[in-house]
Amino acid sequence: MLKVRRRAAFAALVCVGVISACDDAPSEPQERAPVVNRNDPPPKVANLSGDMVAAVSAGRAANVISLHFALRATPTANTPLPVEVAIVPHRKFDSIRAHFESQDGLTAAAGDNFGPETGVEAESTLSHQLVLMPSREGMFMVTSSVETESEDGNVTRIFSIPVIVAPAAGTAPPAAPVNQPGKN
């Protein structure tokens, strides 16, 4: 019987608290942060060459910072592949650094680290040269982690650069088997 009274008293106390809070509106209007529509495309970047394309961002990172790239040669096995990279912040950052990682079959021969670049202004273009060395044909992904530091703290954003590597020059693709009549 005592448990029932305690539960009823607790329930009554909760109801009084909820009802009394109903008329507690703030006396001054609070300043709200600007609403950002997550479906808005990132701002257009005018300082990039026309052949650069945006790397694929994990999440909605491209609205804050974007990474663009251009392959400067045809990706071929056993041939160095220069990649022009541009990092474009869409707001001011205290510092930016980037690290590029590739998978088996595609190694970063040079330029796997960028920065840190400090005092970065919004809409500036940070150029970087990456050299990849494909060891075989296939489809590969270069992953870039871009670390930013600002008043919001340190944030790492992930971008992917797809690379399709052709066979080495002079290497013919394997011929398809031909069925000859009379042979099984």
N, C-alpha and C. Protein backbone atom coordinates (compact mmCIF):
# COMPACT_ATOMS: atom_id res chain seq x y z
N MET A 1 0.82 -1.20 0.00
CA MET A 1 0.00 0.00 0.00
C MET A 1 0.86 1.26 0.00
N LEU A 2 1.99 1.19 0.70
CA LEU A 2 2.89 2.34 0.77
C LEU A 2 3.53 2.61 -0.60
N LYS A 3 3.83 1.53 -1.37
CA LYS A 3 4.40 1.69 -2.71
C LYS A 3 3.43 2.40 -3.63
N VAL A 4 2.16 2.08 -3.54
CA VAL A 4 1.14 2.70 -4.38
C VAL A 4 1.06 4.19 -4.09
N ARG A 5 1.12 4.59 -2.80
CA ARG A 5 1.05 6.01 -2.44
C ARG A 5 2.29 6.76 -2.95
N ARG A 6 3.46 6.12 -2.85
CA ARG A 6 4.68 6.77 -3.33
C ARG A 6 4.61 6.98 -4.85
N ARG A 7 4.14 5.97 -5.56
CA ARG A 7 4.02 6.11 -7.01
C ARG A 7 3.03 7.20 -7.38
N ALA A 8 1.89 7.27 -6.68
CA ALA A 8 0.88 8.30 -6.96
C ALA A 8 1.44 9.68 -6.64
N ALA A 9 2.19 9.81 -5.55
CA ALA A 9 2.77 11.11 -5.19
C ALA A 9 3.82 11.52 -6.23
N PHE A 10 4.63 10.57 -6.68
CA PHE A 10 5.63 10.86 -7.70
C PHE A 10 4.97 11.29 -9.02
N ALA A 11 3.91 10.57 -9.41
CA ALA A 11 3.20 10.91 -10.65
C ALA A 11 2.58 12.30 -10.54
N ALA A 12 2.03 12.64 -9.39
CA ALA A 12 1.43 13.96 -9.19
C ALA A 12 2.51 15.04 -9.27
N LEU A 13 3.67 14.78 -8.68
CA LEU A 13 4.77 15.74 -8.71
C LEU A 13 5.25 15.98 -10.15
N VAL A 14 5.34 14.92 -10.94
CA VAL A 14 5.75 15.05 -12.34
C VAL A 14 4.72 15.86 -13.11
N CYS A 15 3.44 15.59 -12.90
CA CYS A 15 2.39 16.33 -13.61
C CYS A 15 2.42 17.81 -13.25
N VAL A 16 2.62 18.14 -11.99
CA VAL A 16 2.68 19.54 -11.57
C VAL A 16 3.88 20.22 -12.22
N GLY A 17 5.01 19.52 -12.27
CA GLY A 17 6.21 20.09 -12.92
C GLY A 17 5.98 20.36 -14.39
N VAL A 18 5.35 19.44 -15.10
CA VAL A 18 5.08 19.61 -16.53
C VAL A 18 4.10 20.74 -16.75
N ILE A 19 3.05 20.81 -15.97
CA ILE A 19 2.03 21.85 -16.14
C ILE A 19 2.61 23.22 -15.82
N SER A 20 3.44 23.31 -14.79
CA SER A 20 3.99 24.61 -14.42
C SER A 20 5.00 25.11 -15.46
N ALA A 21 5.59 24.22 -16.20
CA ALA A 21 6.57 24.62 -17.22
C ALA A 21 5.90 25.07 -18.51
N CYS A 22 4.61 24.87 -18.66
CA CYS A 22 3.93 25.20 -19.92
C CYS A 22 3.96 26.68 -20.24
N ASP A 23 3.90 27.55 -19.26
CA ASP A 23 3.87 28.98 -19.53
C ASP A 23 5.24 29.63 -19.41
N ASP A 24 6.30 28.88 -19.33
CA ASP A 24 7.64 29.43 -19.20
C ASP A 24 8.23 29.71 -20.57
N ALA A 25 7.81 30.77 -21.21
CA ALA A 25 8.38 31.19 -22.49
C ALA A 25 9.54 32.14 -22.20
N PRO A 26 10.57 32.12 -23.01
CA PRO A 26 11.68 33.04 -22.77
C PRO A 26 11.22 34.49 -22.91
N SER A 27 11.72 35.35 -22.02
CA SER A 27 11.28 36.74 -22.03
C SER A 27 11.86 37.52 -23.20
N GLU A 28 13.07 37.16 -23.66
CA GLU A 28 13.69 37.81 -24.80
C GLU A 28 13.80 36.82 -25.96
N PRO A 29 13.62 37.29 -27.17
CA PRO A 29 13.79 36.35 -28.28
C PRO A 29 15.26 35.92 -28.36
N GLN A 30 15.47 34.63 -28.53
CA GLN A 30 16.82 34.11 -28.61
C GLN A 30 17.31 34.17 -30.04
N GLU A 31 18.59 34.49 -30.18
CA GLU A 31 19.19 34.54 -31.50
C GLU A 31 19.40 33.11 -31.99
N ARG A 32 18.98 32.83 -33.19
CA ARG A 32 19.11 31.49 -33.74
C ARG A 32 20.23 31.45 -34.77
N ALA A 33 20.84 30.31 -34.86
CA ALA A 33 21.88 30.10 -35.88
C ALA A 33 21.20 30.06 -37.25
N PRO A 34 21.89 30.52 -38.28
CA PRO A 34 21.28 30.47 -39.61
C PRO A 34 20.97 29.04 -40.02
N VAL A 35 19.85 28.87 -40.67
CA VAL A 35 19.43 27.55 -41.10
C VAL A 35 20.19 27.19 -42.37
N VAL A 36 20.81 26.01 -42.35
CA VAL A 36 21.54 25.54 -43.52
C VAL A 36 20.78 24.38 -44.11
N ASN A 37 20.37 24.53 -45.35
CA ASN A 37 19.67 23.45 -46.02
C ASN A 37 20.71 22.45 -46.50
N ARG A 38 20.65 21.24 -45.96
CA ARG A 38 21.64 20.22 -46.28
C ARG A 38 21.58 19.78 -47.74
N ASN A 39 20.51 20.11 -48.43
CA ASN A 39 20.38 19.71 -49.84
C ASN A 39 20.94 20.76 -50.79
N ASP A 40 21.33 21.94 -50.24
CA ASP A 40 21.91 22.96 -51.10
C ASP A 40 23.24 22.47 -51.64
N PRO A 41 23.52 22.71 -52.92
CA PRO A 41 24.83 22.32 -53.45
C PRO A 41 25.90 23.23 -52.87
N PRO A 42 27.13 22.75 -52.80
CA PRO A 42 28.20 23.61 -52.30
C PRO A 42 28.40 24.80 -53.23
N PRO A 43 28.96 25.87 -52.72
CA PRO A 43 29.16 27.05 -53.56
C PRO A 43 30.04 26.73 -54.77
N LYS A 44 29.81 27.44 -55.85
CA LYS A 44 30.64 27.27 -57.05
C LYS A 44 32.03 27.83 -56.77
N VAL A 45 33.03 27.15 -57.29
CA VAL A 45 34.41 27.55 -57.08
C VAL A 45 34.97 28.05 -58.40
N ALA A 46 35.33 29.33 -58.46
CA ALA A 46 35.76 29.95 -59.71
C ALA A 46 37.25 29.76 -60.00
N ASN A 47 38.07 29.48 -59.00
CA ASN A 47 39.52 29.44 -59.18
C ASN A 47 40.05 28.08 -59.64
N LEU A 48 39.22 27.16 -60.02
CA LEU A 48 39.67 25.83 -60.42
C LEU A 48 39.71 25.71 -61.93
N SER A 49 40.65 24.89 -62.41
CA SER A 49 40.70 24.65 -63.84
C SER A 49 39.47 23.83 -64.25
N GLY A 50 39.08 23.96 -65.49
CA GLY A 50 37.84 23.35 -65.97
C GLY A 50 37.83 21.84 -65.95
N ASP A 51 38.99 21.18 -65.91
CA ASP A 51 39.01 19.72 -65.94
C ASP A 51 39.01 19.08 -64.55
N MET A 52 38.94 19.88 -63.50
CA MET A 52 38.91 19.33 -62.14
C MET A 52 37.49 18.88 -61.79
N VAL A 53 37.42 17.78 -61.07
CA VAL A 53 36.13 17.27 -60.61
C VAL A 53 36.17 17.14 -59.10
N ALA A 54 35.00 17.13 -58.49
CA ALA A 54 34.91 17.04 -57.03
C ALA A 54 35.11 15.60 -56.59
N ALA A 55 35.89 15.42 -55.55
CA ALA A 55 36.03 14.11 -54.93
C ALA A 55 34.73 13.79 -54.21
N VAL A 56 34.48 12.52 -54.01
CA VAL A 56 33.26 12.08 -53.34
C VAL A 56 33.43 12.27 -51.84
N SER A 57 32.52 13.01 -51.22
CA SER A 57 32.64 13.26 -49.78
C SER A 57 31.76 12.30 -49.00
N ALA A 58 32.26 11.89 -47.85
CA ALA A 58 31.47 11.07 -46.94
C ALA A 58 30.61 12.02 -46.12
N GLY A 59 29.32 11.92 -46.24
CA GLY A 59 28.43 12.83 -45.53
C GLY A 59 28.22 14.11 -46.31
N ARG A 60 28.04 15.20 -45.58
CA ARG A 60 27.76 16.50 -46.19
C ARG A 60 28.96 17.43 -46.07
N ALA A 61 30.16 16.90 -46.16
CA ALA A 61 31.38 17.68 -45.96
C ALA A 61 31.57 18.74 -47.03
N ALA A 62 31.08 18.54 -48.24
CA ALA A 62 31.34 19.46 -49.36
C ALA A 62 30.71 20.83 -49.14
N ASN A 63 29.76 20.96 -48.23
CA ASN A 63 29.19 22.27 -47.95
C ASN A 63 30.12 23.12 -47.10
N VAL A 64 31.06 22.49 -46.40
CA VAL A 64 31.99 23.20 -45.53
C VAL A 64 33.37 23.32 -46.18
N ILE A 65 33.82 22.25 -46.78
CA ILE A 65 35.11 22.21 -47.47
C ILE A 65 34.98 21.20 -48.60
N SER A 66 35.62 21.47 -49.72
CA SER A 66 35.53 20.52 -50.83
C SER A 66 36.93 20.19 -51.33
N LEU A 67 37.05 19.01 -51.91
CA LEU A 67 38.31 18.55 -52.46
C LEU A 67 38.07 18.22 -53.93
N HIS A 68 38.91 18.76 -54.80
CA HIS A 68 38.78 18.56 -56.24
C HIS A 68 40.07 17.96 -56.76
N PHE A 69 39.99 17.24 -57.88
CA PHE A 69 41.19 16.62 -58.43
C PHE A 69 41.10 16.54 -59.95
N ALA A 70 42.29 16.40 -60.56
CA ALA A 70 42.39 16.17 -62.00
C ALA A 70 43.56 15.23 -62.23
N LEU A 71 43.31 14.15 -62.97
CA LEU A 71 44.37 13.22 -63.33
C LEU A 71 45.12 13.83 -64.51
N ARG A 72 46.43 13.94 -64.41
CA ARG A 72 47.22 14.61 -65.43
C ARG A 72 47.83 13.65 -66.45
N ALA A 73 47.42 12.38 -66.42
CA ALA A 73 47.84 11.37 -67.40
C ALA A 73 46.81 10.25 -67.36
N THR A 74 46.85 9.41 -68.36
CA THR A 74 45.97 8.24 -68.37
C THR A 74 46.51 7.23 -67.35
N PRO A 75 45.68 6.79 -66.42
CA PRO A 75 46.15 5.83 -65.42
C PRO A 75 46.51 4.49 -66.08
N THR A 76 47.80 4.17 -66.08
CA THR A 76 48.31 2.95 -66.69
C THR A 76 49.20 2.24 -65.69
N ALA A 77 49.13 0.92 -65.65
CA ALA A 77 49.94 0.14 -64.71
C ALA A 77 51.42 0.41 -64.94
N ASN A 78 52.16 0.49 -63.87
CA ASN A 78 53.62 0.69 -63.85
C ASN A 78 54.08 2.02 -64.43
N THR A 79 53.19 3.01 -64.45
CA THR A 79 53.53 4.35 -64.94
C THR A 79 53.10 5.37 -63.89
N PRO A 80 53.99 6.28 -63.46
CA PRO A 80 53.60 7.29 -62.47
C PRO A 80 52.41 8.12 -62.96
N LEU A 81 51.51 8.40 -62.04
CA LEU A 81 50.29 9.14 -62.36
C LEU A 81 50.24 10.43 -61.53
N PRO A 82 50.51 11.59 -62.15
CA PRO A 82 50.39 12.85 -61.41
C PRO A 82 48.92 13.23 -61.24
N VAL A 83 48.57 13.66 -60.02
CA VAL A 83 47.20 14.07 -59.72
C VAL A 83 47.26 15.47 -59.12
N GLU A 84 46.58 16.40 -59.75
CA GLU A 84 46.49 17.76 -59.22
C GLU A 84 45.30 17.79 -58.25
N VAL A 85 45.55 18.27 -57.04
CA VAL A 85 44.51 18.31 -56.00
C VAL A 85 44.30 19.77 -55.58
N ALA A 86 43.05 20.15 -55.37
CA ALA A 86 42.71 21.47 -54.85
C ALA A 86 41.76 21.30 -53.68
N ILE A 87 42.11 21.88 -52.56
CA ILE A 87 41.25 21.87 -51.37
C ILE A 87 40.66 23.27 -51.26
N VAL A 88 39.33 23.35 -51.20
CA VAL A 88 38.66 24.64 -51.18
C VAL A 88 37.77 24.73 -49.94
N PRO A 89 38.19 25.52 -48.94
CA PRO A 89 37.33 25.73 -47.78
C PRO A 89 36.23 26.74 -48.11
N HIS A 90 35.03 26.47 -47.65
CA HIS A 90 33.91 27.38 -47.91
C HIS A 90 33.63 28.27 -46.69
N ARG A 91 34.54 28.21 -45.72
CA ARG A 91 34.52 29.10 -44.56
C ARG A 91 35.94 29.21 -44.03
N LYS A 92 36.17 30.11 -43.11
CA LYS A 92 37.51 30.35 -42.58
C LYS A 92 37.90 29.25 -41.60
N PHE A 93 39.17 28.80 -41.68
CA PHE A 93 39.71 27.80 -40.77
C PHE A 93 41.04 28.30 -40.21
N ASP A 94 41.33 27.91 -38.97
CA ASP A 94 42.61 28.23 -38.37
C ASP A 94 43.72 27.43 -39.03
N SER A 95 43.45 26.16 -39.34
CA SER A 95 44.43 25.34 -40.05
C SER A 95 43.74 24.20 -40.79
N ILE A 96 44.42 23.76 -41.85
CA ILE A 96 43.95 22.62 -42.65
C ILE A 96 45.15 21.75 -42.96
N ARG A 97 44.96 20.45 -42.83
CA ARG A 97 45.96 19.46 -43.26
C ARG A 97 45.22 18.30 -43.90
N ALA A 98 45.91 17.57 -44.77
CA ALA A 98 45.28 16.44 -45.44
C ALA A 98 46.28 15.29 -45.54
N HIS A 99 45.73 14.09 -45.55
CA HIS A 99 46.53 12.88 -45.72
C HIS A 99 45.84 12.02 -46.78
N PHE A 100 46.64 11.50 -47.72
CA PHE A 100 46.11 10.68 -48.81
C PHE A 100 46.60 9.25 -48.65
N GLU A 101 45.67 8.30 -48.71
CA GLU A 101 45.98 6.87 -48.59
C GLU A 101 45.40 6.13 -49.76
N SER A 102 46.14 5.15 -50.24
CA SER A 102 45.65 4.34 -51.35
C SER A 102 45.64 2.87 -50.95
N GLN A 103 45.04 2.04 -51.79
CA GLN A 103 44.94 0.61 -51.49
C GLN A 103 46.02 -0.17 -52.22
N ASP A 104 46.06 -1.44 -51.91
CA ASP A 104 47.00 -2.35 -52.56
C ASP A 104 46.81 -2.26 -54.07
N GLY A 105 47.90 -2.11 -54.79
CA GLY A 105 47.83 -1.98 -56.25
C GLY A 105 47.99 -0.55 -56.70
N LEU A 106 47.92 0.38 -55.76
CA LEU A 106 48.06 1.80 -56.08
C LEU A 106 48.73 2.45 -54.87
N THR A 107 49.96 2.92 -55.04
CA THR A 107 50.67 3.53 -53.92
C THR A 107 50.91 5.01 -54.18
N ALA A 108 50.98 5.76 -53.09
CA ALA A 108 51.29 7.18 -53.19
C ALA A 108 52.81 7.31 -53.23
N ALA A 109 53.36 7.65 -54.39
CA ALA A 109 54.81 7.77 -54.56
C ALA A 109 55.32 9.10 -53.99
N ALA A 110 54.50 10.13 -54.03
CA ALA A 110 54.89 11.44 -53.49
C ALA A 110 53.63 12.24 -53.17
N GLY A 111 53.74 13.11 -52.17
CA GLY A 111 52.63 14.02 -51.85
C GLY A 111 51.52 13.41 -51.04
N ASP A 112 51.82 12.39 -50.22
CA ASP A 112 50.74 11.77 -49.45
C ASP A 112 50.30 12.61 -48.25
N ASN A 113 51.03 13.70 -47.94
CA ASN A 113 50.64 14.61 -46.86
C ASN A 113 50.62 16.05 -47.37
N PHE A 114 49.66 16.82 -46.88
CA PHE A 114 49.53 18.24 -47.20
C PHE A 114 49.41 19.01 -45.89
N GLY A 115 50.16 20.10 -45.78
CA GLY A 115 49.99 21.02 -44.67
C GLY A 115 50.79 20.68 -43.44
N PRO A 116 50.49 21.35 -42.38
CA PRO A 116 49.32 22.20 -42.15
C PRO A 116 49.46 23.58 -42.80
N GLU A 117 48.36 24.06 -43.30
CA GLU A 117 48.24 25.41 -43.84
C GLU A 117 47.45 26.20 -42.81
N THR A 118 47.97 27.32 -42.34
CA THR A 118 47.31 28.07 -41.26
C THR A 118 46.68 29.36 -41.79
N GLY A 119 45.71 29.88 -41.04
CA GLY A 119 45.02 31.12 -41.39
C GLY A 119 44.36 31.06 -42.75
N VAL A 120 43.58 30.03 -42.99
CA VAL A 120 42.98 29.79 -44.30
C VAL A 120 41.66 30.56 -44.42
N GLU A 121 41.56 31.36 -45.46
CA GLU A 121 40.36 32.16 -45.71
C GLU A 121 39.33 31.35 -46.51
N ALA A 122 38.08 31.73 -46.39
CA ALA A 122 37.00 31.08 -47.14
C ALA A 122 37.18 31.30 -48.63
N GLU A 123 36.85 30.29 -49.42
CA GLU A 123 36.89 30.29 -50.88
C GLU A 123 38.29 30.47 -51.45
N SER A 124 39.32 30.25 -50.64
CA SER A 124 40.69 30.23 -51.18
C SER A 124 40.94 28.84 -51.76
N THR A 125 41.90 28.73 -52.65
CA THR A 125 42.22 27.45 -53.27
C THR A 125 43.60 27.01 -52.80
N LEU A 126 43.67 25.85 -52.16
CA LEU A 126 44.92 25.29 -51.68
C LEU A 126 45.33 24.19 -52.65
N SER A 127 46.41 24.40 -53.38
CA SER A 127 46.85 23.45 -54.40
C SER A 127 47.84 22.45 -53.82
N HIS A 128 47.77 21.22 -54.35
CA HIS A 128 48.66 20.15 -53.89
C HIS A 128 48.90 19.20 -55.06
N GLN A 129 50.10 18.65 -55.11
CA GLN A 129 50.45 17.68 -56.16
C GLN A 129 50.64 16.31 -55.50
N LEU A 130 49.94 15.32 -56.01
CA LEU A 130 50.02 13.94 -55.55
C LEU A 130 50.49 13.09 -56.72
N VAL A 131 51.42 12.17 -56.47
CA VAL A 131 51.87 11.26 -57.53
C VAL A 131 51.56 9.84 -57.07
N LEU A 132 50.77 9.14 -57.88
CA LEU A 132 50.39 7.75 -57.59
C LEU A 132 51.17 6.81 -58.50
N MET A 133 51.42 5.60 -58.01
CA MET A 133 52.10 4.59 -58.82
C MET A 133 51.23 3.34 -58.84
N PRO A 134 50.48 3.13 -59.95
CA PRO A 134 49.67 1.92 -60.07
C PRO A 134 50.57 0.72 -60.39
N SER A 135 50.36 -0.39 -59.70
CA SER A 135 51.18 -1.58 -59.99
C SER A 135 50.44 -2.60 -60.83
N ARG A 136 49.14 -2.43 -60.96
CA ARG A 136 48.35 -3.36 -61.78
C ARG A 136 47.07 -2.66 -62.22
N GLU A 137 46.39 -3.29 -63.16
CA GLU A 137 45.14 -2.71 -63.64
C GLU A 137 44.02 -2.99 -62.64
N GLY A 138 42.98 -2.18 -62.71
CA GLY A 138 41.82 -2.36 -61.84
C GLY A 138 41.26 -1.02 -61.41
N MET A 139 40.24 -1.09 -60.58
CA MET A 139 39.63 0.13 -60.04
C MET A 139 40.09 0.28 -58.60
N PHE A 140 40.58 1.48 -58.27
CA PHE A 140 41.12 1.74 -56.95
C PHE A 140 40.52 3.02 -56.39
N MET A 141 40.68 3.17 -55.07
CA MET A 141 40.16 4.35 -54.40
C MET A 141 41.28 4.97 -53.57
N VAL A 142 41.49 6.26 -53.75
CA VAL A 142 42.41 7.01 -52.90
C VAL A 142 41.52 7.72 -51.89
N THR A 143 41.82 7.52 -50.61
CA THR A 143 41.03 8.13 -49.54
C THR A 143 41.82 9.29 -48.95
N SER A 144 41.17 10.42 -48.84
CA SER A 144 41.80 11.60 -48.25
C SER A 144 41.07 11.98 -46.98
N SER A 145 41.82 12.13 -45.90
CA SER A 145 41.24 12.66 -44.66
C SER A 145 41.72 14.10 -44.52
N VAL A 146 40.78 15.02 -44.52
CA VAL A 146 41.08 16.45 -44.43
C VAL A 146 40.71 16.90 -43.02
N GLU A 147 41.73 17.33 -42.28
CA GLU A 147 41.54 17.76 -40.89
C GLU A 147 41.48 19.28 -40.85
N THR A 148 40.44 19.81 -40.23
CA THR A 148 40.30 21.25 -40.10
C THR A 148 40.28 21.62 -38.63
N GLU A 149 40.79 22.81 -38.34
CA GLU A 149 40.76 23.34 -36.98
C GLU A 149 40.14 24.72 -37.04
N SER A 150 39.12 24.96 -36.21
CA SER A 150 38.44 26.25 -36.16
C SER A 150 37.87 26.44 -34.77
N GLU A 151 37.07 27.49 -34.61
CA GLU A 151 36.44 27.71 -33.30
C GLU A 151 35.48 26.58 -32.93
N ASP A 152 35.04 25.79 -33.92
CA ASP A 152 34.17 24.64 -33.65
C ASP A 152 34.95 23.43 -33.15
N GLY A 153 36.29 23.51 -33.18
CA GLY A 153 37.12 22.38 -32.77
C GLY A 153 37.80 21.74 -33.96
N ASN A 154 38.34 20.56 -33.74
CA ASN A 154 39.01 19.81 -34.80
C ASN A 154 38.02 18.83 -35.43
N VAL A 155 37.93 18.86 -36.75
CA VAL A 155 37.00 17.98 -37.47
C VAL A 155 37.76 17.33 -38.62
N THR A 156 37.58 16.02 -38.78
CA THR A 156 38.17 15.30 -39.90
C THR A 156 37.06 14.90 -40.86
N ARG A 157 37.25 15.25 -42.12
CA ARG A 157 36.27 14.91 -43.16
C ARG A 157 36.95 13.99 -44.16
N ILE A 158 36.20 13.02 -44.67
CA ILE A 158 36.75 11.99 -45.56
C ILE A 158 36.25 12.21 -46.99
N PHE A 159 37.19 12.11 -47.94
CA PHE A 159 36.88 12.22 -49.36
C PHE A 159 37.48 11.03 -50.09
N SER A 160 36.89 10.63 -51.22
CA SER A 160 37.39 9.52 -52.02
C SER A 160 37.63 9.96 -53.45
N ILE A 161 38.76 9.48 -54.00
CA ILE A 161 39.12 9.76 -55.39
C ILE A 161 39.19 8.42 -56.11
N PRO A 162 38.28 8.15 -57.06
CA PRO A 162 38.32 6.89 -57.79
C PRO A 162 39.35 6.95 -58.93
N VAL A 163 40.08 5.86 -59.12
CA VAL A 163 41.08 5.77 -60.20
C VAL A 163 40.92 4.42 -60.88
N ILE A 164 40.70 4.43 -62.19
CA ILE A 164 40.60 3.20 -62.97
C ILE A 164 41.89 3.08 -63.78
N VAL A 165 42.65 2.02 -63.51
CA VAL A 165 43.96 1.83 -64.13
C VAL A 165 43.85 0.83 -65.27
N ALA A 166 44.42 1.23 -66.44
CA ALA A 166 44.45 0.37 -67.63
C ALA A 166 45.68 -0.53 -67.56
N PRO A 167 45.70 -1.61 -68.35
CA PRO A 167 46.90 -2.46 -68.37
C PRO A 167 48.11 -1.68 -68.86
N ALA A 168 49.29 -2.16 -68.50
CA ALA A 168 50.53 -1.52 -68.93
C ALA A 168 50.61 -1.51 -70.44
N ALA A 169 51.27 -0.51 -70.98
CA ALA A 169 51.42 -0.39 -72.44
C ALA A 169 52.14 -1.62 -72.98
N GLY A 170 51.66 -2.15 -74.10
CA GLY A 170 52.26 -3.33 -74.72
C GLY A 170 51.72 -4.63 -74.15
N THR A 171 50.86 -4.55 -73.16
CA THR A 171 50.27 -5.76 -72.60
C THR A 171 48.89 -5.94 -73.22
N ALA A 172 48.72 -7.02 -73.90
CA ALA A 172 47.43 -7.29 -74.54
C ALA A 172 46.53 -7.99 -73.53
N PRO A 173 45.25 -7.67 -73.55
CA PRO A 173 44.34 -8.38 -72.65
C PRO A 173 44.25 -9.84 -73.06
N PRO A 174 43.98 -10.74 -72.12
CA PRO A 174 43.89 -12.16 -72.47
C PRO A 174 42.80 -12.40 -73.50
N ALA A 175 43.12 -13.25 -74.47
CA ALA A 175 42.16 -13.56 -75.52
C ALA A 175 41.09 -14.51 -75.00
N ALA A 176 39.90 -14.33 -75.51
CA ALA A 176 38.78 -15.21 -75.11
C ALA A 176 39.00 -16.58 -75.76
N PRO A 177 38.68 -17.66 -75.05
CA PRO A 177 38.84 -18.99 -75.65
C PRO A 177 37.90 -19.15 -76.84
N VAL A 178 38.39 -19.81 -77.87
CA VAL A 178 37.62 -20.02 -79.09
C VAL A 178 37.27 -21.50 -79.16
N ASN A 179 36.00 -21.76 -79.39
CA ASN A 179 35.57 -23.16 -79.56
C ASN A 179 35.88 -23.59 -80.98
N GLN A 180 36.64 -24.68 -81.11
CA GLN A 180 36.94 -25.18 -82.43
C GLN A 180 36.05 -26.38 -82.71
N PRO A 181 35.51 -26.45 -83.93
CA PRO A 181 34.62 -27.57 -84.25
C PRO A 181 35.41 -28.89 -84.19
N GLY A 182 34.78 -29.89 -83.66
CA GLY A 182 35.38 -31.22 -83.60
C GLY A 182 36.19 -31.44 -82.34
N LYS A 183 36.43 -30.40 -81.53
CA LYS A 183 37.19 -30.56 -80.30
C LYS A 183 36.30 -30.20 -79.13
N ASN A 184 36.35 -31.02 -78.12
CA ASN A 184 35.53 -30.77 -76.93
C ASN A 184 36.37 -30.35 -75.81
